[in-house]
Amino acid sequence: MSLTTVFFGSPEAAVPSLERLLDSHHSVKAVVTAPDRPRGRGMELAASPVKQRALAAGIPVLQPPSLRTPEAQAELAAAGADVFVVCAYGLILPPAVLDQPPLGCVNVHFSLLPAFRGAAPVAAAVLAGLPVSGVTIMQMDPGLDTGPILDAIEEPIWPDDDTGSLEARLAVAGGGLLVSVLDRLEAGTIEARPQDGSQATYAGKVTPEDARIDWGQPGPSIVDRVRAFSPRPGAWTTLDGRRLKVWRARVAGEPGGGAPGSFAGGAGGSFVVATGEGALTLEEVQPEGGRRMPGADFLRGRRGAAGKLS
């Protein structure tokens, strides 16, 4: 016996869950993913990472722009799946879809629910400077990540983690946990537990403005912001009216002087910036229209090693 599934997902972070599902004894009847979108300098249509993996495995792919149309819902119903599996899909599943499979819909969510419900849980955990995150498999209901928890697993957040590195580990851990949950769902041995809504926090979709650096904040908080918004959209500041992205930063081993945002050359020509509390060394930056480079190289290429970021 095995469960028949339809898998919903789009980005690279969803691929490990799909791969673990394909390697399990459960079957994937179809994959639902985002429509192809223009990408790159040529803005050519490109398939999502999940679509690419599904096609390589010979799995039928559905790409409805909405799940609220009768046509999309009929396509899903035709799969006759026991359970729908969702991981970073990108669209909300309406009640008419949630109610289709006999065993419901399960979601792979990259936080320890009820913490950080919403679109950007990994960035939110890094931004908060937490030592631990995790993955929750939940039974979906019409709310925003409010359904009962089927299982969860913790994952440490290391000091050198950014959102990209942490998300990659959570994706792998989530794939393994997903198959374990489906096995127990099939056997009828899993027990769901309700979330404590009073402990819920939310992680909304990240905007470029969220990633702007406030140099009046303490240095460690700014480091967390840099980590949280790497690789997307990239923490940024402005210098002489142009954006400067900051990809890596650390608390400086020397005190900063001057107002928050003022910078000067530190030991060995390092790029040292004063903050609201202490100073930071900007280890990797990217000027607007330019390439990523060591902060010291950027500073060397300027006329004068002092200035102010805003």
C-alpha atoms as a PDB file:
ATOM      1  CA  MET A   1       0.000   0.000   0.000  1.00  0.00           C
ATOM      2  CA  SER A   2       1.054   3.590  -0.585  1.00  0.00           C
ATOM      3  CA  LEU A   3      -0.485   7.023  -0.679  1.00  0.00           C
ATOM      4  CA  THR A   4      -1.145   8.772  -3.977  1.00  0.00           C
ATOM      5  CA  THR A   5      -0.189  12.444  -3.864  1.00  0.00           C
ATOM      6  CA  VAL A   6      -0.226  15.673  -5.820  1.00  0.00           C
ATOM      7  CA  PHE A   7       2.783  17.885  -5.008  1.00  0.00           C
ATOM      8  CA  PHE A   8       2.501  21.687  -4.973  1.00  0.00           C
ATOM      9  CA  GLY A   9       5.764  23.670  -4.990  1.00  0.00           C
ATOM     10  CA  SER A  10       7.860  26.095  -7.021  1.00  0.00           C
ATOM     11  CA  PRO A  11      11.321  27.270  -5.805  1.00  0.00           C
ATOM     12  CA  GLU A  12      14.550  25.389  -5.184  1.00  0.00           C
ATOM     13  CA  ALA A  13      13.668  25.053  -1.498  1.00  0.00           C
ATOM     14  CA  ALA A  14      10.746  22.767  -2.448  1.00  0.00           C
ATOM     15  CA  VAL A  15      12.842  20.384  -4.556  1.00  0.00           C
ATOM     16  CA  PRO A  16      14.224  18.238  -1.677  1.00  0.00           C
ATOM     17  CA  SER A  17      10.664  17.471  -0.509  1.00  0.00           C
ATOM     18  CA  LEU A  18       9.666  16.441  -4.025  1.00  0.00           C
ATOM     19  CA  GLU A  19      12.797  14.319  -4.392  1.00  0.00           C
ATOM     20  CA  ARG A  20      12.220  12.513  -1.089  1.00  0.00           C
ATOM     21  CA  LEU A  21       8.621  11.902  -2.099  1.00  0.00           C
ATOM     22  CA  LEU A  22       9.719  10.477  -5.469  1.00  0.00           C
ATOM     23  CA  ASP A  23      12.224   8.207  -3.704  1.00  0.00           C
ATOM     24  CA  SER A  24       9.588   6.922  -1.263  1.00  0.00           C
ATOM     25  CA  HIS A  25       7.002   4.180  -1.819  1.00  0.00           C
ATOM     26  CA  HIS A  26       4.304   6.851  -2.162  1.00  0.00           C
ATOM     27  CA  SER A  27       3.375   7.926  -5.690  1.00  0.00           C
ATOM     28  CA  VAL A  28       3.191  11.405  -7.231  1.00  0.00           C
ATOM     29  CA  LYS A  29       0.314  11.662  -9.686  1.00  0.00           C
ATOM     30  CA  ALA A  30       1.017  15.267 -10.688  1.00  0.00           C
ATOM     31  CA  VAL A  31       3.025  18.348  -9.749  1.00  0.00           C
ATOM     32  CA  VAL A  32       1.466  21.810  -9.497  1.00  0.00           C
ATOM     33  CA  THR A  33       3.872  24.734  -9.830  1.00  0.00           C
ATOM     34  CA  ALA A  34       4.016  28.415 -10.747  1.00  0.00           C
ATOM     35  CA  PRO A  35       3.631  29.421 -14.398  1.00  0.00           C
ATOM     36  CA  ASP A  36       6.886  29.949 -16.297  1.00  0.00           C
ATOM     37  CA  ARG A  37       8.192  33.469 -15.702  1.00  0.00           C
ATOM     38  CA  PRO A  38      10.642  35.757 -17.542  1.00  0.00           C
ATOM     39  CA  ARG A  39      14.099  35.579 -15.967  1.00  0.00           C
ATOM     40  CA  GLY A  40      17.636  36.695 -16.650  1.00  0.00           C
ATOM     41  CA  ARG A  41      18.967  39.491 -18.826  1.00  0.00           C
ATOM     42  CA  GLY A  42      17.111  38.216 -21.853  1.00  0.00           C
ATOM     43  CA  MET A  43      13.863  37.901 -19.861  1.00  0.00           C
ATOM     44  CA  GLU A  44      13.192  34.519 -21.451  1.00  0.00           C
ATOM     45  CA  LEU A  45      10.505  32.290 -19.960  1.00  0.00           C
ATOM     46  CA  ALA A  46      11.996  29.864 -17.449  1.00  0.00           C
ATOM     47  CA  ALA A  47      10.488  26.902 -15.619  1.00  0.00           C
ATOM     48  CA  SER A  48      10.497  26.734 -11.843  1.00  0.00           C
ATOM     49  CA  PRO A  49      13.053  24.378 -10.232  1.00  0.00           C
ATOM     50  CA  VAL A  50      10.182  22.099  -9.176  1.00  0.00           C
ATOM     51  CA  LYS A  51       8.862  21.909 -12.741  1.00  0.00           C
ATOM     52  CA  GLN A  52      12.321  21.029 -14.036  1.00  0.00           C
ATOM     53  CA  ARG A  53      12.650  18.188 -11.522  1.00  0.00           C
ATOM     54  CA  ALA A  54       9.138  16.900 -12.231  1.00  0.00           C
ATOM     55  CA  LEU A  55       9.700  16.823 -15.989  1.00  0.00           C
ATOM     56  CA  ALA A  56      12.987  14.973 -15.484  1.00  0.00           C
ATOM     57  CA  ALA A  57      11.065  12.360 -13.499  1.00  0.00           C
ATOM     58  CA  GLY A  58       8.291  12.115 -16.097  1.00  0.00           C
ATOM     59  CA  ILE A  59       5.614  13.530 -13.779  1.00  0.00           C
ATOM     60  CA  PRO A  60       2.700  15.482 -15.312  1.00  0.00           C
ATOM     61  CA  VAL A  61       2.956  19.216 -14.513  1.00  0.00           C
ATOM     62  CA  LEU A  62       0.045  21.602 -13.971  1.00  0.00           C
ATOM     63  CA  GLN A  63       0.611  25.386 -13.984  1.00  0.00           C
ATOM     64  CA  PRO A  64      -2.713  27.114 -13.361  1.00  0.00           C
ATOM     65  CA  PRO A  65      -2.459  30.875 -12.768  1.00  0.00           C
ATOM     66  CA  SER A  66      -5.191  30.454 -10.140  1.00  0.00           C
ATOM     67  CA  LEU A  67      -6.639  27.554  -8.155  1.00  0.00           C
ATOM     68  CA  ARG A  68     -10.034  29.225  -7.862  1.00  0.00           C
ATOM     69  CA  THR A  69     -11.292  28.362 -11.341  1.00  0.00           C
ATOM     70  CA  PRO A  70     -13.514  25.314 -11.991  1.00  0.00           C
ATOM     71  CA  GLU A  71     -11.048  24.184 -14.668  1.00  0.00           C
ATOM     72  CA  ALA A  72      -8.075  24.095 -12.276  1.00  0.00           C
ATOM     73  CA  GLN A  73     -10.102  22.357  -9.592  1.00  0.00           C
ATOM     74  CA  ALA A  74     -11.346  19.740 -12.068  1.00  0.00           C
ATOM     75  CA  GLU A  75      -7.758  18.985 -13.142  1.00  0.00           C
ATOM     76  CA  LEU A  76      -6.762  18.403  -9.515  1.00  0.00           C
ATOM     77  CA  ALA A  77      -9.791  16.230  -8.827  1.00  0.00           C
ATOM     78  CA  ALA A  78      -8.954  14.085 -11.860  1.00  0.00           C
ATOM     79  CA  ALA A  79      -5.669  13.056 -10.222  1.00  0.00           C
ATOM     80  CA  GLY A  80      -7.645  11.158  -7.571  1.00  0.00           C
ATOM     81  CA  ALA A  81      -4.956  11.701  -4.940  1.00  0.00           C
ATOM     82  CA  ASP A  82      -5.204  10.567  -1.324  1.00  0.00           C
ATOM     83  CA  VAL A  83      -3.380  13.661  -0.076  1.00  0.00           C
ATOM     84  CA  PHE A  84      -2.031  16.948  -1.416  1.00  0.00           C
ATOM     85  CA  VAL A  85       1.491  17.954  -0.348  1.00  0.00           C
ATOM     86  CA  VAL A  86       2.434  21.650  -0.362  1.00  0.00           C
ATOM     87  CA  CYS A  87       5.911  23.170   0.018  1.00  0.00           C
ATOM     88  CA  ALA A  88       6.606  26.811  -0.895  1.00  0.00           C
ATOM     89  CA  TYR A  89       4.041  26.765  -3.684  1.00  0.00           C
ATOM     90  CA  GLY A  90       3.210  30.478  -3.758  1.00  0.00           C
ATOM     91  CA  LEU A  91      -0.576  30.467  -4.087  1.00  0.00           C
ATOM     92  CA  ILE A  92      -3.241  30.016  -1.404  1.00  0.00           C
ATOM     93  CA  LEU A  93      -5.259  26.810  -1.683  1.00  0.00           C
ATOM     94  CA  PRO A  94      -8.968  27.712  -1.525  1.00  0.00           C
ATOM     95  CA  PRO A  95     -11.423  25.564   0.482  1.00  0.00           C
ATOM     96  CA  ALA A  96     -12.638  23.847  -2.710  1.00  0.00           C
ATOM     97  CA  VAL A  97      -9.094  22.493  -3.180  1.00  0.00           C
ATOM     98  CA  LEU A  98      -8.339  21.818   0.497  1.00  0.00           C
ATOM     99  CA  ASP A  99     -11.447  19.636   0.705  1.00  0.00           C
ATOM    100  CA  GLN A 100     -10.643  17.435  -2.298  1.00  0.00           C
ATOM    101  CA  PRO A 101      -8.267  14.728  -1.023  1.00  0.00           C
ATOM    102  CA  PRO A 102      -9.626  12.236   1.544  1.00  0.00           C
ATOM    103  CA  LEU A 103      -6.591  12.715   3.813  1.00  0.00           C
ATOM    104  CA  GLY A 104      -6.492  16.475   3.342  1.00  0.00           C
ATOM    105  CA  CYS A 105      -3.522  18.681   2.518  1.00  0.00           C
ATOM    106  CA  VAL A 106      -0.217  18.743   4.366  1.00  0.00           C
ATOM    107  CA  ASN A 107       2.238  21.640   4.282  1.00  0.00           C
ATOM    108  CA  VAL A 108       5.999  21.715   4.782  1.00  0.00           C
ATOM    109  CA  HIS A 109       6.610  25.013   6.607  1.00  0.00           C
ATOM    110  CA  PHE A 110      10.092  26.299   7.433  1.00  0.00           C
ATOM    111  CA  SER A 111       9.559  27.376  11.040  1.00  0.00           C
ATOM    112  CA  LEU A 112       8.555  25.926  14.380  1.00  0.00           C
ATOM    113  CA  LEU A 113       4.887  26.856  14.275  1.00  0.00           C
ATOM    114  CA  PRO A 114       3.121  28.827  15.591  1.00  0.00           C
ATOM    115  CA  ALA A 115       6.247  31.008  15.290  1.00  0.00           C
ATOM    116  CA  PHE A 116       6.619  32.846  11.975  1.00  0.00           C
ATOM    117  CA  ARG A 117       3.491  31.958  10.088  1.00  0.00           C
ATOM    118  CA  GLY A 118       3.532  33.487   6.631  1.00  0.00           C
ATOM    119  CA  ALA A 119       5.680  33.925   3.539  1.00  0.00           C
ATOM    120  CA  ALA A 120       9.218  34.510   4.876  1.00  0.00           C
ATOM    121  CA  PRO A 121       9.759  32.441   8.038  1.00  0.00           C
ATOM    122  CA  VAL A 122      13.459  31.717   7.464  1.00  0.00           C
ATOM    123  CA  ALA A 123      14.436  35.362   7.007  1.00  0.00           C
ATOM    124  CA  ALA A 124      12.360  36.271  10.069  1.00  0.00           C
ATOM    125  CA  ALA A 125      14.176  33.753  12.272  1.00  0.00           C
ATOM    126  CA  VAL A 126      17.609  34.978  11.149  1.00  0.00           C
ATOM    127  CA  LEU A 127      16.585  38.624  11.521  1.00  0.00           C
ATOM    128  CA  ALA A 128      15.458  37.932  15.090  1.00  0.00           C
ATOM    129  CA  GLY A 129      18.897  36.540  15.937  1.00  0.00           C
ATOM    130  CA  LEU A 130      17.437  33.222  17.098  1.00  0.00           C
ATOM    131  CA  PRO A 131      19.696  30.232  17.835  1.00  0.00           C
ATOM    132  CA  VAL A 132      17.185  27.646  16.587  1.00  0.00           C
ATOM    133  CA  SER A 133      14.649  27.301  13.780  1.00  0.00           C
ATOM    134  CA  GLY A 134      13.025  24.221  12.314  1.00  0.00           C
ATOM    135  CA  VAL A 135      10.449  22.625  10.040  1.00  0.00           C
ATOM    136  CA  THR A 136       6.802  21.916  10.819  1.00  0.00           C
ATOM    137  CA  ILE A 137       4.547  19.566   8.881  1.00  0.00           C
ATOM    138  CA  MET A 138       0.972  20.693   9.405  1.00  0.00           C
ATOM    139  CA  GLN A 139      -2.497  19.738   8.246  1.00  0.00           C
ATOM    140  CA  MET A 140      -3.739  22.678   6.208  1.00  0.00           C
ATOM    141  CA  ASP A 141      -6.945  24.569   6.927  1.00  0.00           C
ATOM    142  CA  PRO A 142      -8.319  27.806   5.390  1.00  0.00           C
ATOM    143  CA  GLY A 143      -6.214  30.001   7.727  1.00  0.00           C
ATOM    144  CA  LEU A 144      -2.674  31.287   7.175  1.00  0.00           C
ATOM    145  CA  ASP A 145      -0.489  28.454   8.532  1.00  0.00           C
ATOM    146  CA  THR A 146      -2.974  27.874  11.355  1.00  0.00           C
ATOM    147  CA  GLY A 147      -3.668  24.153  10.899  1.00  0.00           C
ATOM    148  CA  PRO A 148      -2.855  21.418  13.420  1.00  0.00           C
ATOM    149  CA  ILE A 149       0.747  20.225  13.695  1.00  0.00           C
ATOM    150  CA  LEU A 150       1.566  16.693  12.534  1.00  0.00           C
ATOM    151  CA  ASP A 151       5.265  16.782  13.425  1.00  0.00           C
ATOM    152  CA  ALA A 152       8.192  19.193  13.750  1.00  0.00           C
ATOM    153  CA  ILE A 153      11.978  19.069  13.843  1.00  0.00           C
ATOM    154  CA  GLU A 154      14.502  21.623  15.122  1.00  0.00           C
ATOM    155  CA  GLU A 155      17.517  22.945  13.230  1.00  0.00           C
ATOM    156  CA  PRO A 156      20.242  25.131  14.812  1.00  0.00           C
ATOM    157  CA  ILE A 157      21.007  28.533  13.322  1.00  0.00           C
ATOM    158  CA  TRP A 158      24.778  28.943  13.190  1.00  0.00           C
ATOM    159  CA  PRO A 159      26.432  32.388  13.588  1.00  0.00           C
ATOM    160  CA  ASP A 160      27.632  32.326   9.968  1.00  0.00           C
ATOM    161  CA  ASP A 161      24.262  31.251   8.543  1.00  0.00           C
ATOM    162  CA  ASP A 162      22.319  33.486   6.222  1.00  0.00           C
ATOM    163  CA  THR A 163      18.806  32.815   4.970  1.00  0.00           C
ATOM    164  CA  GLY A 164      20.134  30.900   1.972  1.00  0.00           C
ATOM    165  CA  SER A 165      22.274  28.450   3.928  1.00  0.00           C
ATOM    166  CA  LEU A 166      19.663  27.901   6.635  1.00  0.00           C
ATOM    167  CA  GLU A 167      16.855  27.437   4.105  1.00  0.00           C
ATOM    168  CA  ALA A 168      18.900  24.810   2.252  1.00  0.00           C
ATOM    169  CA  ARG A 169      19.295  22.726   5.433  1.00  0.00           C
ATOM    170  CA  LEU A 170      15.644  23.164   6.389  1.00  0.00           C
ATOM    171  CA  ALA A 171      14.610  22.015   2.917  1.00  0.00           C
ATOM    172  CA  VAL A 172      16.547  18.768   3.292  1.00  0.00           C
ATOM    173  CA  ALA A 173      15.281  18.175   6.835  1.00  0.00           C
ATOM    174  CA  GLY A 174      11.733  18.945   5.722  1.00  0.00           C
ATOM    175  CA  GLY A 175      11.858  16.366   2.946  1.00  0.00           C
ATOM    176  CA  GLY A 176      12.796  13.603   5.351  1.00  0.00           C
ATOM    177  CA  LEU A 177      10.181  14.640   7.877  1.00  0.00           C
ATOM    178  CA  LEU A 178       7.515  14.813   5.168  1.00  0.00           C
ATOM    179  CA  VAL A 179       7.948  11.179   4.145  1.00  0.00           C
ATOM    180  CA  SER A 180       7.919  10.098   7.799  1.00  0.00           C
ATOM    181  CA  VAL A 181       4.633  11.942   8.318  1.00  0.00           C
ATOM    182  CA  LEU A 182       3.081  10.412   5.190  1.00  0.00           C
ATOM    183  CA  ASP A 183       4.112   6.935   6.340  1.00  0.00           C
ATOM    184  CA  ARG A 184       2.347   7.488   9.654  1.00  0.00           C
ATOM    185  CA  LEU A 185      -0.625   9.100   7.951  1.00  0.00           C
ATOM    186  CA  GLU A 186      -0.943   5.991   5.795  1.00  0.00           C
ATOM    187  CA  ALA A 187      -0.715   3.737   8.849  1.00  0.00           C
ATOM    188  CA  GLY A 188      -3.227   5.827  10.796  1.00  0.00           C
ATOM    189  CA  THR A 189      -0.779   6.264  13.673  1.00  0.00           C
ATOM    190  CA  ILE A 190      -0.214  10.009  13.579  1.00  0.00           C
ATOM    191  CA  GLU A 191      -1.871  12.399  16.005  1.00  0.00           C
ATOM    192  CA  ALA A 192      -2.367  16.051  15.123  1.00  0.00           C
ATOM    193  CA  ARG A 193      -2.081  18.688  17.821  1.00  0.00           C
ATOM    194  CA  PRO A 194      -3.596  22.162  17.593  1.00  0.00           C
ATOM    195  CA  GLN A 195      -1.401  25.236  17.483  1.00  0.00           C
ATOM    196  CA  ASP A 196      -1.404  27.682  20.369  1.00  0.00           C
ATOM    197  CA  GLY A 197      -2.629  30.765  18.554  1.00  0.00           C
ATOM    198  CA  SER A 198      -1.698  33.012  21.480  1.00  0.00           C
ATOM    199  CA  GLN A 199       1.983  32.300  20.703  1.00  0.00           C
ATOM    200  CA  ALA A 200       1.711  33.021  16.977  1.00  0.00           C
ATOM    201  CA  THR A 201       4.060  35.418  15.207  1.00  0.00           C
ATOM    202  CA  TYR A 202       4.018  36.403  11.544  1.00  0.00           C
ATOM    203  CA  ALA A 203       6.602  36.737   8.804  1.00  0.00           C
ATOM    204  CA  GLY A 204       5.195  38.699   5.887  1.00  0.00           C
ATOM    205  CA  LYS A 205       6.580  38.814   2.385  1.00  0.00           C
ATOM    206  CA  VAL A 206       9.955  40.569   2.256  1.00  0.00           C
ATOM    207  CA  THR A 207      10.144  43.860   0.352  1.00  0.00           C
ATOM    208  CA  PRO A 208      13.308  45.710  -0.719  1.00  0.00           C
ATOM    209  CA  GLU A 209      12.531  48.437   1.820  1.00  0.00           C
ATOM    210  CA  ASP A 210      12.621  45.824   4.626  1.00  0.00           C
ATOM    211  CA  ALA A 211      16.249  45.179   3.717  1.00  0.00           C
ATOM    212  CA  ARG A 212      17.401  48.784   4.120  1.00  0.00           C
ATOM    213  CA  ILE A 213      20.013  49.164   6.851  1.00  0.00           C
ATOM    214  CA  ASP A 214      19.399  51.578   9.717  1.00  0.00           C
ATOM    215  CA  TRP A 215      22.873  52.464  10.963  1.00  0.00           C
ATOM    216  CA  GLY A 216      21.393  53.759  14.214  1.00  0.00           C
ATOM    217  CA  GLN A 217      20.695  50.188  15.282  1.00  0.00           C
ATOM    218  CA  PRO A 218      23.234  48.198  17.335  1.00  0.00           C
ATOM    219  CA  GLY A 219      25.956  46.522  15.303  1.00  0.00           C
ATOM    220  CA  PRO A 220      24.860  42.911  16.034  1.00  0.00           C
ATOM    221  CA  SER A 221      21.299  43.687  14.902  1.00  0.00           C
ATOM    222  CA  ILE A 222      22.619  45.049  11.608  1.00  0.00           C
ATOM    223  CA  VAL A 223      24.693  41.885  11.103  1.00  0.00           C
ATOM    224  CA  ASP A 224      21.501  39.850  11.571  1.00  0.00           C
ATOM    225  CA  ARG A 225      19.753  42.032   8.976  1.00  0.00           C
ATOM    226  CA  VAL A 226      22.544  41.431   6.471  1.00  0.00           C
ATOM    227  CA  ARG A 227      22.316  37.672   7.087  1.00  0.00           C
ATOM    228  CA  ALA A 228      18.508  37.665   6.939  1.00  0.00           C
ATOM    229  CA  PHE A 229      18.294  39.290   3.517  1.00  0.00           C
ATOM    230  CA  SER A 230      20.979  37.239   1.803  1.00  0.00           C
ATOM    231  CA  PRO A 231      20.641  36.002  -0.890  1.00  0.00           C
ATOM    232  CA  ARG A 232      17.468  38.017  -1.566  1.00  0.00           C
ATOM    233  CA  PRO A 233      16.857  40.889  -1.861  1.00  0.00           C
ATOM    234  CA  GLY A 234      20.188  41.879  -0.261  1.00  0.00           C
ATOM    235  CA  ALA A 235      20.615  44.322   2.612  1.00  0.00           C
ATOM    236  CA  TRP A 236      21.413  47.786   1.318  1.00  0.00           C
ATOM    237  CA  THR A 237      22.336  51.326   2.173  1.00  0.00           C
ATOM    238  CA  THR A 238      23.136  54.424   0.126  1.00  0.00           C
ATOM    239  CA  LEU A 239      26.395  56.222  -0.516  1.00  0.00           C
ATOM    240  CA  ASP A 240      26.482  59.459  -2.500  1.00  0.00           C
ATOM    241  CA  GLY A 241      22.899  58.844  -3.613  1.00  0.00           C
ATOM    242  CA  ARG A 242      23.554  55.343  -4.997  1.00  0.00           C
ATOM    243  CA  ARG A 243      22.704  51.988  -3.496  1.00  0.00           C
ATOM    244  CA  LEU A 244      25.384  49.862  -1.923  1.00  0.00           C
ATOM    245  CA  LYS A 245      24.442  46.293  -1.044  1.00  0.00           C
ATOM    246  CA  VAL A 246      26.081  44.684   1.953  1.00  0.00           C
ATOM    247  CA  TRP A 247      26.447  40.918   1.627  1.00  0.00           C
ATOM    248  CA  ARG A 248      28.654  40.089   4.603  1.00  0.00           C
ATOM    249  CA  ALA A 249      29.416  42.040   7.764  1.00  0.00           C
ATOM    250  CA  ARG A 250      30.798  41.333  11.215  1.00  0.00           C
ATOM    251  CA  VAL A 251      31.156  43.189  14.463  1.00  0.00           C
ATOM    252  CA  ALA A 252      34.443  45.077  14.216  1.00  0.00           C
ATOM    253  CA  GLY A 253      37.296  44.284  16.530  1.00  0.00           C
ATOM    254  CA  GLU A 254      37.903  48.005  16.909  1.00  0.00           C
ATOM    255  CA  PRO A 255      35.615  50.787  18.124  1.00  0.00           C
ATOM    256  CA  GLY A 256      33.871  52.972  15.588  1.00  0.00           C
ATOM    257  CA  GLY A 257      34.003  56.722  15.749  1.00  0.00           C
ATOM    258  CA  GLY A 258      31.588  59.364  14.652  1.00  0.00           C
ATOM    259  CA  ALA A 259      27.892  59.337  13.914  1.00  0.00           C
ATOM    260  CA  PRO A 260      26.107  56.120  12.898  1.00  0.00           C
ATOM    261  CA  GLY A 261      26.819  55.373   9.240  1.00  0.00           C
ATOM    262  CA  SER A 262      30.135  57.218   9.140  1.00  0.00           C
ATOM    263  CA  PHE A 263      32.988  55.073   7.877  1.00  0.00           C
ATOM    264  CA  ALA A 264      36.732  55.080   7.555  1.00  0.00           C
ATOM    265  CA  GLY A 265      39.553  52.704   6.815  1.00  0.00           C
ATOM    266  CA  GLY A 266      40.312  50.341   9.667  1.00  0.00           C
ATOM    267  CA  ALA A 267      43.182  47.928  10.286  1.00  0.00           C
ATOM    268  CA  GLY A 268      44.575  46.610   7.011  1.00  0.00           C
ATOM    269  CA  GLY A 269      42.352  48.969   5.041  1.00  0.00           C
ATOM    270  CA  SER A 270      39.134  47.283   6.212  1.00  0.00           C
ATOM    271  CA  PHE A 271      35.758  48.992   5.665  1.00  0.00           C
ATOM    272  CA  VAL A 272      34.674  49.991   9.208  1.00  0.00           C
ATOM    273  CA  VAL A 273      31.299  51.680   9.799  1.00  0.00           C
ATOM    274  CA  ALA A 274      30.024  53.243  13.024  1.00  0.00           C
ATOM    275  CA  THR A 275      26.608  52.056  14.243  1.00  0.00           C
ATOM    276  CA  GLY A 276      24.270  52.979  17.070  1.00  0.00           C
ATOM    277  CA  GLU A 277      26.244  50.603  19.256  1.00  0.00           C
ATOM    278  CA  GLY A 278      29.786  49.634  18.260  1.00  0.00           C
ATOM    279  CA  ALA A 279      31.116  49.328  14.736  1.00  0.00           C
ATOM    280  CA  LEU A 280      30.935  46.868  11.852  1.00  0.00           C
ATOM    281  CA  THR A 281      33.432  45.666   9.294  1.00  0.00           C
ATOM    282  CA  LEU A 282      31.777  45.331   5.898  1.00  0.00           C
ATOM    283  CA  GLU A 283      33.432  42.250   4.450  1.00  0.00           C
ATOM    284  CA  GLU A 284      31.620  42.036   1.118  1.00  0.00           C
ATOM    285  CA  VAL A 285      29.684  44.761  -0.710  1.00  0.00           C
ATOM    286  CA  GLN A 286      28.250  45.445  -4.145  1.00  0.00           C
ATOM    287  CA  PRO A 287      28.000  48.957  -5.601  1.00  0.00           C
ATOM    288  CA  GLU A 288      24.963  49.790  -7.738  1.00  0.00           C
ATOM    289  CA  GLY A 289      25.542  48.447 -11.238  1.00  0.00           C
ATOM    290  CA  GLY A 290      28.739  46.698 -10.152  1.00  0.00           C
ATOM    291  CA  ARG A 291      29.952  43.326  -8.953  1.00  0.00           C
ATOM    292  CA  ARG A 292      30.312  41.912  -5.466  1.00  0.00           C
ATOM    293  CA  MET A 293      33.723  42.603  -3.967  1.00  0.00           C
ATOM    294  CA  PRO A 294      35.572  42.664  -0.649  1.00  0.00           C
ATOM    295  CA  GLY A 295      34.759  45.753   1.371  1.00  0.00           C
ATOM    296  CA  ALA A 296      38.443  46.645   1.610  1.00  0.00           C
ATOM    297  CA  ASP A 297      38.740  46.622  -2.211  1.00  0.00           C
ATOM    298  CA  PHE A 298      35.717  48.893  -2.533  1.00  0.00           C
ATOM    299  CA  LEU A 299      37.189  51.322  -0.030  1.00  0.00           C
ATOM    300  CA  ARG A 300      40.545  51.328  -1.815  1.00  0.00           C
ATOM    301  CA  GLY A 301      38.834  52.263  -5.077  1.00  0.00           C
ATOM    302  CA  ARG A 302      37.236  55.381  -3.584  1.00  0.00           C
ATOM    303  CA  ARG A 303      38.649  58.844  -3.521  1.00  0.00           C
ATOM    304  CA  GLY A 304      39.234  59.132   0.184  1.00  0.00           C
ATOM    305  CA  ALA A 305      38.668  56.384   2.723  1.00  0.00           C
ATOM    306  CA  ALA A 306      36.092  58.245   4.821  1.00  0.00           C
ATOM    307  CA  GLY A 307      32.454  59.086   4.236  1.00  0.00           C
ATOM    308  CA  LYS A 308      28.918  58.412   5.443  1.00  0.00           C
ATOM    309  CA  LEU A 309      26.343  55.781   4.583  1.00  0.00           C
ATOM    310  CA  SER A 310      22.634  56.552   4.910  1.00  0.00           C
END
